[in-house]
Amino acid sequence: MDIFLRLKRDIKRGSEDEYFKYNKIKEDKKEEKRKIRKYTKITAPTKDSYVVFDTETTGLSPQNHKIIEIGAVKVKEGEITDTFSQLINPGTYIPRFISKITGIYTRDVENKKSISEILPLFTDFCEDLPLIAHNAPFDMNFLLQSYEDIGEEHNFSVIDTCALSRKYNKECEKHSLEYLCAYFDIVNENAHRALSDALATRQLYEIIREKYKTPH
């Protein structure tokens, strides 16, 4: 997810309320760097069975903000076998600038299940497969904080396609999902919605995996 840069671009000048929220989120992000949530990192694109996932959230701080959507794609031996897509009631309103980015409004989630109801479904969906996410620290921090909030701990193995792109896509000037989709002609029909971003990330991972398998 590239929410932070998009927030800066999308906030209109002259809106003191939005400017305050933006700067508050920057401070929250700095605070989050002090809390490291542990998971096992996989640094090579060698897996052909995995779950690619993405989250949409009310902000950038796992301690102060909430997940509003989880989307995921299950792949076994290189083939998509299932998908997961759930809107989540965060128990609070969704800020206007987040709705502008994601298209998810408070009214869309007010009758949806809470994160405590969705996480067991997501856990079952993932089985024991490794997880893949683009800019994985962001999504994993939110995911692990959410598990912590309901009194659960999980040790996930995680592949970060953003880190892989920096290593294997040296020709790319940037490594945001938006840029990489444009560079590799990956169609992301509903960018900044969790399932669509997860599907795009899956395609990106497979592109990188083919590069890794090709002798240099």
N, C-alpha and C. Protein backbone atom coordinates (compact mmCIF):
# COMPACT_ATOMS: atom_id res chain seq x y z
N MET A 1 0.84 -1.19 0.00
CA MET A 1 0.00 0.00 0.00
C MET A 1 0.88 1.25 0.00
N ASP A 2 0.43 2.25 -0.74
CA ASP A 2 1.18 3.49 -0.82
C ASP A 2 0.35 4.64 -0.26
N ILE A 3 -0.33 4.37 0.84
CA ILE A 3 -1.29 5.34 1.38
C ILE A 3 -0.60 6.64 1.78
N PHE A 4 0.58 6.57 2.41
CA PHE A 4 1.20 7.76 2.97
C PHE A 4 1.47 8.81 1.89
N LEU A 5 2.04 8.38 0.77
CA LEU A 5 2.33 9.32 -0.30
C LEU A 5 1.05 9.86 -0.93
N ARG A 6 0.04 9.00 -1.05
CA ARG A 6 -1.22 9.43 -1.65
C ARG A 6 -1.95 10.41 -0.73
N LEU A 7 -1.83 10.23 0.58
CA LEU A 7 -2.46 11.17 1.51
C LEU A 7 -1.87 12.57 1.30
N LYS A 8 -0.55 12.62 1.19
CA LYS A 8 0.11 13.90 1.02
C LYS A 8 -0.33 14.57 -0.27
N ARG A 9 -0.48 13.78 -1.32
CA ARG A 9 -0.86 14.32 -2.61
C ARG A 9 -2.32 14.74 -2.66
N ASP A 10 -3.19 13.96 -1.98
CA ASP A 10 -4.63 14.15 -2.12
C ASP A 10 -5.22 15.20 -1.18
N ILE A 11 -4.53 15.49 -0.07
CA ILE A 11 -5.09 16.47 0.87
C ILE A 11 -5.10 17.87 0.23
N LYS A 12 -6.23 18.53 0.24
CA LYS A 12 -6.37 19.82 -0.41
C LYS A 12 -5.81 20.93 0.48
N ARG A 13 -5.16 21.89 -0.15
CA ARG A 13 -4.68 23.05 0.57
C ARG A 13 -5.85 23.83 1.15
N GLY A 14 -5.60 24.38 2.32
CA GLY A 14 -6.64 25.19 2.94
C GLY A 14 -7.56 24.43 3.85
N SER A 15 -7.43 23.12 3.89
CA SER A 15 -8.27 22.33 4.78
C SER A 15 -7.50 22.07 6.06
N GLU A 16 -7.73 22.87 7.08
CA GLU A 16 -6.97 22.75 8.32
C GLU A 16 -7.23 21.42 9.01
N ASP A 17 -8.46 20.94 8.93
CA ASP A 17 -8.81 19.68 9.57
C ASP A 17 -8.04 18.52 8.94
N GLU A 18 -8.00 18.48 7.61
CA GLU A 18 -7.28 17.41 6.92
C GLU A 18 -5.77 17.55 7.14
N TYR A 19 -5.27 18.79 7.18
CA TYR A 19 -3.84 19.00 7.41
C TYR A 19 -3.45 18.51 8.80
N PHE A 20 -4.31 18.75 9.78
CA PHE A 20 -4.03 18.28 11.13
C PHE A 20 -3.99 16.75 11.16
N LYS A 21 -4.97 16.14 10.52
CA LYS A 21 -5.02 14.67 10.51
C LYS A 21 -3.79 14.09 9.84
N TYR A 22 -3.36 14.72 8.75
CA TYR A 22 -2.18 14.24 8.02
C TYR A 22 -0.94 14.29 8.90
N ASN A 23 -0.74 15.40 9.60
CA ASN A 23 0.43 15.52 10.46
C ASN A 23 0.35 14.61 11.67
N LYS A 24 -0.87 14.38 12.17
CA LYS A 24 -1.04 13.44 13.27
C LYS A 24 -0.64 12.04 12.82
N ILE A 25 -1.01 11.67 11.60
CA ILE A 25 -0.65 10.35 11.07
C ILE A 25 0.86 10.23 10.91
N LYS A 26 1.53 11.30 10.52
CA LYS A 26 2.99 11.26 10.41
C LYS A 26 3.62 10.96 11.76
N GLU A 27 3.09 11.59 12.82
CA GLU A 27 3.61 11.35 14.16
C GLU A 27 3.33 9.91 14.60
N ASP A 28 2.12 9.42 14.28
CA ASP A 28 1.79 8.03 14.61
C ASP A 28 2.74 7.07 13.93
N LYS A 29 3.09 7.38 12.68
CA LYS A 29 3.99 6.50 11.93
C LYS A 29 5.37 6.47 12.58
N LYS A 30 5.85 7.61 13.06
CA LYS A 30 7.14 7.66 13.74
C LYS A 30 7.11 6.81 15.01
N GLU A 31 5.99 6.89 15.75
CA GLU A 31 5.87 6.12 16.98
C GLU A 31 5.86 4.62 16.69
N GLU A 32 5.26 4.24 15.56
CA GLU A 32 5.16 2.82 15.23
C GLU A 32 6.52 2.20 14.96
N LYS A 33 7.48 3.02 14.48
CA LYS A 33 8.81 2.49 14.19
C LYS A 33 9.49 1.98 15.46
N ARG A 34 9.04 2.46 16.62
CA ARG A 34 9.65 2.04 17.88
C ARG A 34 9.16 0.67 18.32
N LYS A 35 8.05 0.22 17.76
CA LYS A 35 7.50 -1.09 18.14
C LYS A 35 7.69 -2.06 17.00
N ILE A 36 8.51 -3.07 17.19
CA ILE A 36 8.79 -4.05 16.15
C ILE A 36 7.97 -5.30 16.42
N ARG A 37 7.18 -5.69 15.48
CA ARG A 37 6.42 -6.93 15.60
C ARG A 37 7.14 -8.02 14.83
N LYS A 38 7.31 -9.16 15.45
CA LYS A 38 8.18 -10.19 14.89
C LYS A 38 7.41 -11.17 14.01
N TYR A 39 8.03 -11.51 12.90
CA TYR A 39 7.57 -12.59 12.04
C TYR A 39 8.79 -13.09 11.26
N THR A 40 8.67 -14.28 10.70
CA THR A 40 9.79 -14.89 9.99
C THR A 40 9.83 -14.38 8.56
N LYS A 41 10.94 -13.76 8.17
CA LYS A 41 11.06 -13.21 6.82
C LYS A 41 11.66 -14.25 5.87
N ILE A 42 11.01 -14.38 4.73
CA ILE A 42 11.53 -15.21 3.64
C ILE A 42 12.09 -14.25 2.60
N THR A 43 13.36 -14.37 2.28
CA THR A 43 14.02 -13.35 1.46
C THR A 43 14.24 -13.76 0.02
N ALA A 44 13.82 -14.96 -0.37
CA ALA A 44 13.96 -15.40 -1.75
C ALA A 44 12.60 -15.87 -2.28
N PRO A 45 12.29 -15.59 -3.55
CA PRO A 45 10.99 -15.95 -4.12
C PRO A 45 10.94 -17.41 -4.57
N THR A 46 10.98 -18.31 -3.62
CA THR A 46 11.08 -19.73 -3.94
C THR A 46 9.78 -20.50 -3.72
N LYS A 47 8.79 -19.87 -3.12
CA LYS A 47 7.56 -20.57 -2.77
C LYS A 47 6.58 -20.60 -3.94
N ASP A 48 5.96 -21.77 -4.19
CA ASP A 48 4.92 -21.85 -5.20
C ASP A 48 3.54 -22.10 -4.58
N SER A 49 3.49 -22.20 -3.26
CA SER A 49 2.23 -22.28 -2.52
C SER A 49 2.27 -21.22 -1.42
N TYR A 50 1.25 -20.37 -1.38
CA TYR A 50 1.31 -19.21 -0.47
C TYR A 50 -0.04 -18.51 -0.45
N VAL A 51 -0.17 -17.53 0.44
CA VAL A 51 -1.33 -16.64 0.48
C VAL A 51 -0.84 -15.21 0.34
N VAL A 52 -1.31 -14.54 -0.69
CA VAL A 52 -1.02 -13.11 -0.86
C VAL A 52 -2.17 -12.33 -0.22
N PHE A 53 -1.84 -11.36 0.63
CA PHE A 53 -2.91 -10.60 1.27
C PHE A 53 -2.61 -9.11 1.28
N ASP A 54 -3.66 -8.34 1.49
CA ASP A 54 -3.54 -6.89 1.59
C ASP A 54 -4.58 -6.40 2.57
N THR A 55 -4.30 -5.29 3.22
CA THR A 55 -5.25 -4.67 4.14
C THR A 55 -5.52 -3.23 3.74
N GLU A 56 -6.71 -2.77 4.04
CA GLU A 56 -7.03 -1.34 4.00
C GLU A 56 -7.33 -0.93 5.44
N THR A 57 -6.93 0.27 5.81
CA THR A 57 -6.99 0.66 7.21
C THR A 57 -7.49 2.10 7.36
N THR A 58 -7.82 2.48 8.59
CA THR A 58 -8.29 3.84 8.86
C THR A 58 -7.14 4.84 8.99
N GLY A 59 -5.91 4.36 8.96
CA GLY A 59 -4.74 5.24 9.08
C GLY A 59 -3.47 4.43 9.00
N LEU A 60 -2.39 4.97 9.53
CA LEU A 60 -1.08 4.35 9.38
C LEU A 60 -0.52 3.71 10.65
N SER A 61 -1.18 3.92 11.78
CA SER A 61 -0.68 3.42 13.05
C SER A 61 -1.48 2.22 13.53
N PRO A 62 -0.87 1.03 13.60
CA PRO A 62 -1.60 -0.15 14.09
C PRO A 62 -2.12 0.01 15.51
N GLN A 63 -1.47 0.82 16.31
CA GLN A 63 -1.93 1.02 17.69
C GLN A 63 -3.13 1.96 17.77
N ASN A 64 -3.24 2.87 16.82
CA ASN A 64 -4.28 3.89 16.89
C ASN A 64 -5.34 3.78 15.81
N HIS A 65 -5.09 2.97 14.79
CA HIS A 65 -6.02 2.83 13.69
C HIS A 65 -6.40 1.37 13.50
N LYS A 66 -7.37 1.12 12.63
CA LYS A 66 -7.96 -0.22 12.52
C LYS A 66 -8.03 -0.69 11.08
N ILE A 67 -8.06 -2.01 10.92
CA ILE A 67 -8.25 -2.61 9.60
C ILE A 67 -9.72 -2.50 9.20
N ILE A 68 -9.96 -2.08 7.97
CA ILE A 68 -11.34 -2.00 7.47
C ILE A 68 -11.59 -3.00 6.33
N GLU A 69 -10.53 -3.63 5.83
CA GLU A 69 -10.72 -4.63 4.78
C GLU A 69 -9.50 -5.55 4.71
N ILE A 70 -9.76 -6.83 4.54
CA ILE A 70 -8.71 -7.80 4.25
C ILE A 70 -9.08 -8.52 2.97
N GLY A 71 -8.13 -8.58 2.04
CA GLY A 71 -8.30 -9.34 0.82
C GLY A 71 -7.13 -10.28 0.66
N ALA A 72 -7.37 -11.48 0.17
CA ALA A 72 -6.29 -12.46 0.05
C ALA A 72 -6.55 -13.43 -1.09
N VAL A 73 -5.46 -13.98 -1.61
CA VAL A 73 -5.50 -14.95 -2.69
C VAL A 73 -4.68 -16.15 -2.27
N LYS A 74 -5.28 -17.34 -2.31
CA LYS A 74 -4.56 -18.56 -1.97
C LYS A 74 -4.04 -19.21 -3.25
N VAL A 75 -2.75 -19.53 -3.24
CA VAL A 75 -2.11 -20.17 -4.39
C VAL A 75 -1.46 -21.46 -3.94
N LYS A 76 -1.73 -22.55 -4.66
CA LYS A 76 -1.10 -23.83 -4.37
C LYS A 76 -0.47 -24.37 -5.64
N GLU A 77 0.84 -24.64 -5.55
CA GLU A 77 1.61 -25.13 -6.69
C GLU A 77 1.41 -24.24 -7.92
N GLY A 78 1.41 -22.94 -7.66
CA GLY A 78 1.35 -21.96 -8.75
C GLY A 78 -0.03 -21.61 -9.26
N GLU A 79 -1.09 -22.24 -8.74
CA GLU A 79 -2.44 -22.00 -9.23
C GLU A 79 -3.32 -21.40 -8.12
N ILE A 80 -4.13 -20.39 -8.49
CA ILE A 80 -5.07 -19.80 -7.54
C ILE A 80 -6.15 -20.82 -7.21
N THR A 81 -6.32 -21.10 -5.92
CA THR A 81 -7.33 -22.06 -5.49
C THR A 81 -8.49 -21.44 -4.73
N ASP A 82 -8.30 -20.22 -4.20
CA ASP A 82 -9.37 -19.60 -3.42
C ASP A 82 -9.05 -18.12 -3.20
N THR A 83 -10.08 -17.34 -2.88
CA THR A 83 -9.89 -15.93 -2.53
C THR A 83 -10.64 -15.62 -1.25
N PHE A 84 -10.24 -14.53 -0.62
CA PHE A 84 -10.82 -14.09 0.65
C PHE A 84 -11.02 -12.58 0.56
N SER A 85 -12.21 -12.11 0.86
CA SER A 85 -12.47 -10.66 0.80
C SER A 85 -13.52 -10.31 1.84
N GLN A 86 -13.12 -9.48 2.80
CA GLN A 86 -14.02 -9.11 3.89
C GLN A 86 -13.87 -7.64 4.24
N LEU A 87 -14.98 -6.90 4.21
CA LEU A 87 -15.02 -5.59 4.83
C LEU A 87 -15.18 -5.78 6.33
N ILE A 88 -14.62 -4.87 7.12
CA ILE A 88 -14.59 -5.04 8.57
C ILE A 88 -15.06 -3.76 9.25
N ASN A 89 -15.92 -3.91 10.24
CA ASN A 89 -16.37 -2.78 11.04
C ASN A 89 -15.27 -2.43 12.06
N PRO A 90 -14.63 -1.26 11.92
CA PRO A 90 -13.53 -0.91 12.82
C PRO A 90 -13.98 -0.38 14.18
N GLY A 91 -15.30 -0.16 14.34
CA GLY A 91 -15.80 0.39 15.58
C GLY A 91 -15.58 1.87 15.71
N THR A 92 -15.24 2.50 14.59
CA THR A 92 -15.03 3.94 14.56
C THR A 92 -15.33 4.43 13.15
N TYR A 93 -15.35 5.75 12.95
CA TYR A 93 -15.62 6.27 11.61
C TYR A 93 -14.36 6.15 10.75
N ILE A 94 -14.57 6.12 9.46
CA ILE A 94 -13.46 6.10 8.50
C ILE A 94 -13.19 7.53 8.06
N PRO A 95 -11.99 8.04 8.26
CA PRO A 95 -11.69 9.43 7.87
C PRO A 95 -11.96 9.67 6.39
N ARG A 96 -12.35 10.90 6.09
CA ARG A 96 -12.74 11.25 4.73
C ARG A 96 -11.62 11.00 3.72
N PHE A 97 -10.38 11.31 4.09
CA PHE A 97 -9.30 11.13 3.13
C PHE A 97 -8.98 9.66 2.89
N ILE A 98 -9.26 8.79 3.86
CA ILE A 98 -9.10 7.36 3.64
C ILE A 98 -10.19 6.86 2.69
N SER A 99 -11.41 7.34 2.88
CA SER A 99 -12.50 6.97 1.97
C SER A 99 -12.21 7.43 0.55
N LYS A 100 -11.57 8.59 0.42
CA LYS A 100 -11.23 9.10 -0.91
C LYS A 100 -10.25 8.17 -1.61
N ILE A 101 -9.33 7.59 -0.86
CA ILE A 101 -8.32 6.70 -1.44
C ILE A 101 -8.91 5.32 -1.74
N THR A 102 -9.65 4.77 -0.78
CA THR A 102 -10.10 3.38 -0.88
C THR A 102 -11.49 3.21 -1.48
N GLY A 103 -12.30 4.27 -1.38
CA GLY A 103 -13.69 4.13 -1.79
C GLY A 103 -14.54 3.42 -0.75
N ILE A 104 -13.98 3.21 0.45
CA ILE A 104 -14.72 2.55 1.54
C ILE A 104 -15.18 3.63 2.53
N TYR A 105 -16.48 3.69 2.76
CA TYR A 105 -17.05 4.70 3.65
C TYR A 105 -17.59 4.04 4.91
N THR A 106 -17.76 4.84 5.94
CA THR A 106 -18.27 4.32 7.21
C THR A 106 -19.58 3.56 7.01
N ARG A 107 -20.43 4.07 6.16
CA ARG A 107 -21.73 3.40 5.92
C ARG A 107 -21.55 2.01 5.32
N ASP A 108 -20.42 1.79 4.64
CA ASP A 108 -20.18 0.49 4.00
C ASP A 108 -19.81 -0.59 5.01
N VAL A 109 -19.32 -0.20 6.17
CA VAL A 109 -18.81 -1.18 7.13
C VAL A 109 -19.61 -1.24 8.43
N GLU A 110 -20.56 -0.34 8.62
CA GLU A 110 -21.24 -0.25 9.91
C GLU A 110 -22.02 -1.51 10.28
N ASN A 111 -22.41 -2.31 9.28
CA ASN A 111 -23.13 -3.55 9.55
C ASN A 111 -22.29 -4.80 9.30
N LYS A 112 -20.98 -4.61 9.12
CA LYS A 112 -20.09 -5.74 8.87
C LYS A 112 -19.56 -6.32 10.18
N LYS A 113 -18.92 -7.47 10.09
CA LYS A 113 -18.37 -8.12 11.27
C LYS A 113 -17.15 -7.37 11.79
N SER A 114 -16.84 -7.58 13.07
CA SER A 114 -15.67 -6.96 13.69
C SER A 114 -14.42 -7.76 13.35
N ILE A 115 -13.26 -7.19 13.63
CA ILE A 115 -12.00 -7.88 13.36
C ILE A 115 -11.89 -9.17 14.17
N SER A 116 -12.46 -9.19 15.37
CA SER A 116 -12.40 -10.41 16.20
C SER A 116 -13.18 -11.55 15.56
N GLU A 117 -14.18 -11.23 14.75
CA GLU A 117 -14.95 -12.25 14.05
C GLU A 117 -14.29 -12.66 12.73
N ILE A 118 -13.57 -11.74 12.11
CA ILE A 118 -12.96 -12.00 10.80
C ILE A 118 -11.62 -12.74 10.93
N LEU A 119 -10.84 -12.43 11.94
CA LEU A 119 -9.50 -13.03 12.05
C LEU A 119 -9.52 -14.56 12.08
N PRO A 120 -10.43 -15.21 12.82
CA PRO A 120 -10.45 -16.68 12.77
C PRO A 120 -10.72 -17.21 11.37
N LEU A 121 -11.55 -16.51 10.61
CA LEU A 121 -11.81 -16.91 9.23
C LEU A 121 -10.56 -16.77 8.38
N PHE A 122 -9.83 -15.69 8.59
CA PHE A 122 -8.60 -15.46 7.85
C PHE A 122 -7.54 -16.49 8.22
N THR A 123 -7.44 -16.80 9.51
CA THR A 123 -6.47 -17.81 9.97
C THR A 123 -6.74 -19.15 9.30
N ASP A 124 -8.00 -19.55 9.27
CA ASP A 124 -8.37 -20.81 8.63
C ASP A 124 -8.07 -20.77 7.14
N PHE A 125 -8.33 -19.64 6.51
CA PHE A 125 -8.07 -19.49 5.08
C PHE A 125 -6.58 -19.68 4.77
N CYS A 126 -5.74 -19.13 5.62
CA CYS A 126 -4.29 -19.17 5.36
C CYS A 126 -3.68 -20.55 5.56
N GLU A 127 -4.36 -21.41 6.33
CA GLU A 127 -3.80 -22.71 6.68
C GLU A 127 -2.41 -22.48 7.30
N ASP A 128 -1.41 -23.20 6.84
CA ASP A 128 -0.05 -22.97 7.33
C ASP A 128 0.85 -22.42 6.22
N LEU A 129 0.25 -21.79 5.25
CA LEU A 129 1.01 -21.29 4.10
C LEU A 129 1.74 -19.99 4.44
N PRO A 130 2.87 -19.73 3.80
CA PRO A 130 3.53 -18.44 3.99
C PRO A 130 2.68 -17.31 3.42
N LEU A 131 2.83 -16.13 4.00
CA LEU A 131 2.10 -14.95 3.54
C LEU A 131 2.99 -14.10 2.64
N ILE A 132 2.36 -13.44 1.69
CA ILE A 132 3.05 -12.48 0.82
C ILE A 132 2.28 -11.17 0.86
N ALA A 133 3.00 -10.06 0.97
CA ALA A 133 2.38 -8.74 0.94
C ALA A 133 3.36 -7.75 0.33
N HIS A 134 2.83 -6.70 -0.27
CA HIS A 134 3.70 -5.64 -0.80
C HIS A 134 3.88 -4.58 0.27
N ASN A 135 5.14 -4.31 0.62
CA ASN A 135 5.45 -3.50 1.80
C ASN A 135 4.91 -4.21 3.03
N ALA A 136 5.37 -5.44 3.20
CA ALA A 136 4.84 -6.34 4.23
C ALA A 136 4.87 -5.78 5.65
N PRO A 137 5.89 -5.01 6.06
CA PRO A 137 5.86 -4.50 7.43
C PRO A 137 4.59 -3.74 7.78
N PHE A 138 4.06 -2.98 6.82
CA PHE A 138 2.83 -2.24 7.10
C PHE A 138 1.68 -3.20 7.40
N ASP A 139 1.41 -4.12 6.48
CA ASP A 139 0.27 -5.02 6.65
C ASP A 139 0.47 -5.98 7.81
N MET A 140 1.70 -6.45 8.00
CA MET A 140 1.95 -7.38 9.10
C MET A 140 1.81 -6.71 10.45
N ASN A 141 2.24 -5.46 10.56
CA ASN A 141 2.07 -4.75 11.83
C ASN A 141 0.60 -4.62 12.20
N PHE A 142 -0.23 -4.30 11.22
CA PHE A 142 -1.66 -4.22 11.49
C PHE A 142 -2.24 -5.58 11.81
N LEU A 143 -1.83 -6.60 11.06
CA LEU A 143 -2.37 -7.94 11.28
C LEU A 143 -2.00 -8.47 12.66
N LEU A 144 -0.72 -8.35 13.01
CA LEU A 144 -0.26 -8.87 14.29
C LEU A 144 -0.81 -8.07 15.46
N GLN A 145 -0.98 -6.76 15.28
CA GLN A 145 -1.61 -5.95 16.32
C GLN A 145 -3.04 -6.39 16.54
N SER A 146 -3.74 -6.71 15.44
CA SER A 146 -5.13 -7.15 15.54
C SER A 146 -5.22 -8.49 16.27
N TYR A 147 -4.30 -9.40 15.98
CA TYR A 147 -4.27 -10.66 16.72
C TYR A 147 -3.97 -10.41 18.20
N GLU A 148 -3.05 -9.51 18.45
CA GLU A 148 -2.71 -9.18 19.84
C GLU A 148 -3.92 -8.61 20.57
N ASP A 149 -4.69 -7.79 19.87
CA ASP A 149 -5.87 -7.17 20.49
C ASP A 149 -6.91 -8.19 20.92
N ILE A 150 -6.95 -9.35 20.24
CA ILE A 150 -7.92 -10.39 20.63
C ILE A 150 -7.25 -11.51 21.43
N GLY A 151 -6.02 -11.24 21.86
CA GLY A 151 -5.34 -12.18 22.75
C GLY A 151 -4.74 -13.40 22.07
N GLU A 152 -4.38 -13.27 20.80
CA GLU A 152 -3.78 -14.38 20.08
C GLU A 152 -2.40 -14.01 19.57
N GLU A 153 -1.56 -15.04 19.41
CA GLU A 153 -0.24 -14.85 18.81
C GLU A 153 -0.06 -15.85 17.68
N HIS A 154 0.54 -15.40 16.59
CA HIS A 154 0.79 -16.27 15.46
C HIS A 154 2.18 -15.97 14.91
N ASN A 155 2.89 -17.01 14.53
CA ASN A 155 4.21 -16.84 13.94
C ASN A 155 4.11 -17.13 12.44
N PHE A 156 4.01 -16.07 11.66
CA PHE A 156 3.87 -16.21 10.23
C PHE A 156 5.22 -16.14 9.53
N SER A 157 5.33 -16.86 8.44
CA SER A 157 6.46 -16.69 7.51
C SER A 157 5.98 -15.75 6.41
N VAL A 158 6.80 -14.74 6.08
CA VAL A 158 6.31 -13.65 5.23
C VAL A 158 7.33 -13.29 4.15
N ILE A 159 6.81 -13.10 2.93
CA ILE A 159 7.59 -12.60 1.80
C ILE A 159 7.12 -11.19 1.48
N ASP A 160 8.06 -10.27 1.33
CA ASP A 160 7.74 -8.88 1.00
C ASP A 160 8.11 -8.62 -0.46
N THR A 161 7.10 -8.45 -1.32
CA THR A 161 7.40 -8.22 -2.73
C THR A 161 8.06 -6.87 -2.98
N CYS A 162 7.87 -5.91 -2.09
CA CYS A 162 8.56 -4.63 -2.24
C CYS A 162 10.06 -4.83 -2.06
N ALA A 163 10.45 -5.57 -1.04
CA ALA A 163 11.87 -5.87 -0.81
C ALA A 163 12.43 -6.71 -1.95
N LEU A 164 11.66 -7.68 -2.43
CA LEU A 164 12.12 -8.50 -3.56
C LEU A 164 12.31 -7.65 -4.80
N SER A 165 11.40 -6.71 -5.03
CA SER A 165 11.51 -5.86 -6.21
C SER A 165 12.79 -5.02 -6.17
N ARG A 166 13.11 -4.49 -5.00
CA ARG A 166 14.35 -3.71 -4.89
C ARG A 166 15.57 -4.57 -5.21
N LYS A 167 15.49 -5.86 -4.91
CA LYS A 167 16.62 -6.76 -5.13
C LYS A 167 16.70 -7.27 -6.56
N TYR A 168 15.55 -7.59 -7.15
CA TYR A 168 15.55 -8.26 -8.46
C TYR A 168 15.09 -7.38 -9.62
N ASN A 169 14.47 -6.26 -9.32
CA ASN A 169 14.04 -5.35 -10.39
C ASN A 169 14.89 -4.09 -10.38
N LYS A 170 16.17 -4.26 -10.58
CA LYS A 170 17.09 -3.14 -10.51
C LYS A 170 16.80 -2.08 -11.57
N GLU A 171 16.13 -2.48 -12.64
CA GLU A 171 15.83 -1.54 -13.72
C GLU A 171 14.70 -0.57 -13.36
N CYS A 172 13.97 -0.86 -12.29
CA CYS A 172 12.82 -0.03 -11.90
C CYS A 172 13.27 1.18 -11.08
N GLU A 173 12.71 2.33 -11.39
CA GLU A 173 13.05 3.55 -10.66
C GLU A 173 12.37 3.60 -9.30
N LYS A 174 11.18 3.00 -9.20
CA LYS A 174 10.42 2.99 -7.96
C LYS A 174 9.94 1.56 -7.70
N HIS A 175 9.44 1.34 -6.49
CA HIS A 175 9.01 0.00 -6.14
C HIS A 175 7.65 0.00 -5.43
N SER A 176 6.88 1.06 -5.64
CA SER A 176 5.50 1.05 -5.16
C SER A 176 4.70 0.08 -6.01
N LEU A 177 3.62 -0.43 -5.48
CA LEU A 177 2.79 -1.35 -6.25
C LEU A 177 2.21 -0.64 -7.47
N GLU A 178 1.82 0.59 -7.31
CA GLU A 178 1.25 1.36 -8.43
C GLU A 178 2.25 1.47 -9.58
N TYR A 179 3.50 1.83 -9.25
CA TYR A 179 4.53 1.96 -10.28
C TYR A 179 4.83 0.62 -10.94
N LEU A 180 4.98 -0.44 -10.14
CA LEU A 180 5.34 -1.74 -10.67
C LEU A 180 4.23 -2.33 -11.54
N CYS A 181 2.98 -2.07 -11.18
CA CYS A 181 1.88 -2.53 -12.02
C CYS A 181 1.95 -1.87 -13.39
N ALA A 182 2.24 -0.58 -13.41
CA ALA A 182 2.37 0.13 -14.68
C ALA A 182 3.57 -0.37 -15.46
N TYR A 183 4.68 -0.60 -14.78
CA TYR A 183 5.92 -1.02 -15.44
C TYR A 183 5.77 -2.40 -16.08
N PHE A 184 5.14 -3.33 -15.38
CA PHE A 184 5.03 -4.70 -15.86
C PHE A 184 3.67 -5.01 -16.51
N ASP A 185 2.88 -3.96 -16.76
CA ASP A 185 1.56 -4.13 -17.39
C ASP A 185 0.66 -5.07 -16.60
N ILE A 186 0.69 -4.94 -15.30
CA ILE A 186 -0.20 -5.70 -14.43
C ILE A 186 -1.50 -4.92 -14.27
N VAL A 187 -2.61 -5.54 -14.58
CA VAL A 187 -3.90 -4.87 -14.46
C VAL A 187 -4.39 -4.95 -13.01
N ASN A 188 -4.56 -3.79 -12.40
CA ASN A 188 -5.11 -3.70 -11.04
C ASN A 188 -6.41 -2.91 -11.16
N GLU A 189 -7.51 -3.62 -11.39
CA GLU A 189 -8.76 -2.97 -11.76
C GLU A 189 -9.35 -2.10 -10.66
N ASN A 190 -9.05 -2.41 -9.42
CA ASN A 190 -9.64 -1.66 -8.32
C ASN A 190 -8.56 -1.36 -7.27
N ALA A 191 -7.57 -0.59 -7.69
CA ALA A 191 -6.43 -0.29 -6.82
C ALA A 191 -6.89 0.32 -5.51
N HIS A 192 -6.19 -0.04 -4.44
CA HIS A 192 -6.49 0.39 -3.07
C HIS A 192 -7.77 -0.22 -2.53
N ARG A 193 -8.16 -1.35 -3.13
CA ARG A 193 -9.08 -2.27 -2.49
C ARG A 193 -8.29 -3.56 -2.28
N ALA A 194 -8.51 -4.19 -1.14
CA ALA A 194 -7.59 -5.23 -0.67
C ALA A 194 -7.47 -6.42 -1.62
N LEU A 195 -8.57 -6.96 -2.10
CA LEU A 195 -8.48 -8.13 -2.96
C LEU A 195 -7.81 -7.80 -4.29
N SER A 196 -8.15 -6.66 -4.88
CA SER A 196 -7.54 -6.27 -6.15
C SER A 196 -6.03 -6.08 -5.99
N ASP A 197 -5.62 -5.43 -4.91
CA ASP A 197 -4.18 -5.24 -4.66
C ASP A 197 -3.49 -6.58 -4.41
N ALA A 198 -4.17 -7.51 -3.74
CA ALA A 198 -3.59 -8.82 -3.49
C ALA A 198 -3.41 -9.59 -4.80
N LEU A 199 -4.39 -9.51 -5.69
CA LEU A 199 -4.28 -10.17 -7.00
C LEU A 199 -3.12 -9.58 -7.81
N ALA A 200 -2.97 -8.26 -7.77
CA ALA A 200 -1.87 -7.61 -8.48
C ALA A 200 -0.53 -8.01 -7.87
N THR A 201 -0.47 -8.09 -6.55
CA THR A 201 0.77 -8.47 -5.87
C THR A 201 1.15 -9.91 -6.22
N ARG A 202 0.16 -10.77 -6.37
CA ARG A 202 0.43 -12.15 -6.78
C ARG A 202 1.10 -12.19 -8.16
N GLN A 203 0.59 -11.37 -9.10
CA GLN A 203 1.20 -11.33 -10.42
C GLN A 203 2.63 -10.81 -10.35
N LEU A 204 2.85 -9.78 -9.53
CA LEU A 204 4.19 -9.23 -9.36
C LEU A 204 5.13 -10.28 -8.79
N TYR A 205 4.68 -11.02 -7.79
CA TYR A 205 5.52 -12.07 -7.19
C TYR A 205 5.92 -13.11 -8.23
N GLU A 206 4.99 -13.51 -9.06
CA GLU A 206 5.29 -14.53 -10.07
C GLU A 206 6.28 -14.01 -11.10
N ILE A 207 6.20 -12.73 -11.44
CA ILE A 207 7.18 -12.12 -12.35
C ILE A 207 8.57 -12.18 -11.73
N ILE A 208 8.65 -11.82 -10.46
CA ILE A 208 9.94 -11.85 -9.76
C ILE A 208 10.44 -13.29 -9.62
N ARG A 209 9.55 -14.22 -9.35
CA ARG A 209 9.93 -15.62 -9.19
C ARG A 209 10.51 -16.18 -10.49
N GLU A 210 9.95 -15.80 -11.61
CA GLU A 210 10.49 -16.25 -12.90
C GLU A 210 11.88 -15.69 -13.12
N LYS A 211 12.09 -14.43 -12.74
CA LYS A 211 13.43 -13.83 -12.85
C LYS A 211 14.42 -14.62 -11.98
N TYR A 212 13.98 -14.96 -10.78
CA TYR A 212 14.86 -15.67 -9.85
C TYR A 212 15.23 -17.05 -10.40
N LYS A 213 14.29 -17.71 -11.07
CA LYS A 213 14.55 -19.05 -11.58
C LYS A 213 15.39 -19.05 -12.85
N THR A 214 15.43 -17.90 -13.54
CA THR A 214 16.18 -17.82 -14.80
C THR A 214 17.67 -17.63 -14.52
N PRO A 215 18.53 -18.51 -15.06
CA PRO A 215 19.98 -18.36 -14.84
C PRO A 215 20.49 -17.05 -15.40
N HIS A 216 21.41 -16.44 -14.67
CA HIS A 216 21.98 -15.15 -15.11
C HIS A 216 23.36 -15.38 -15.72
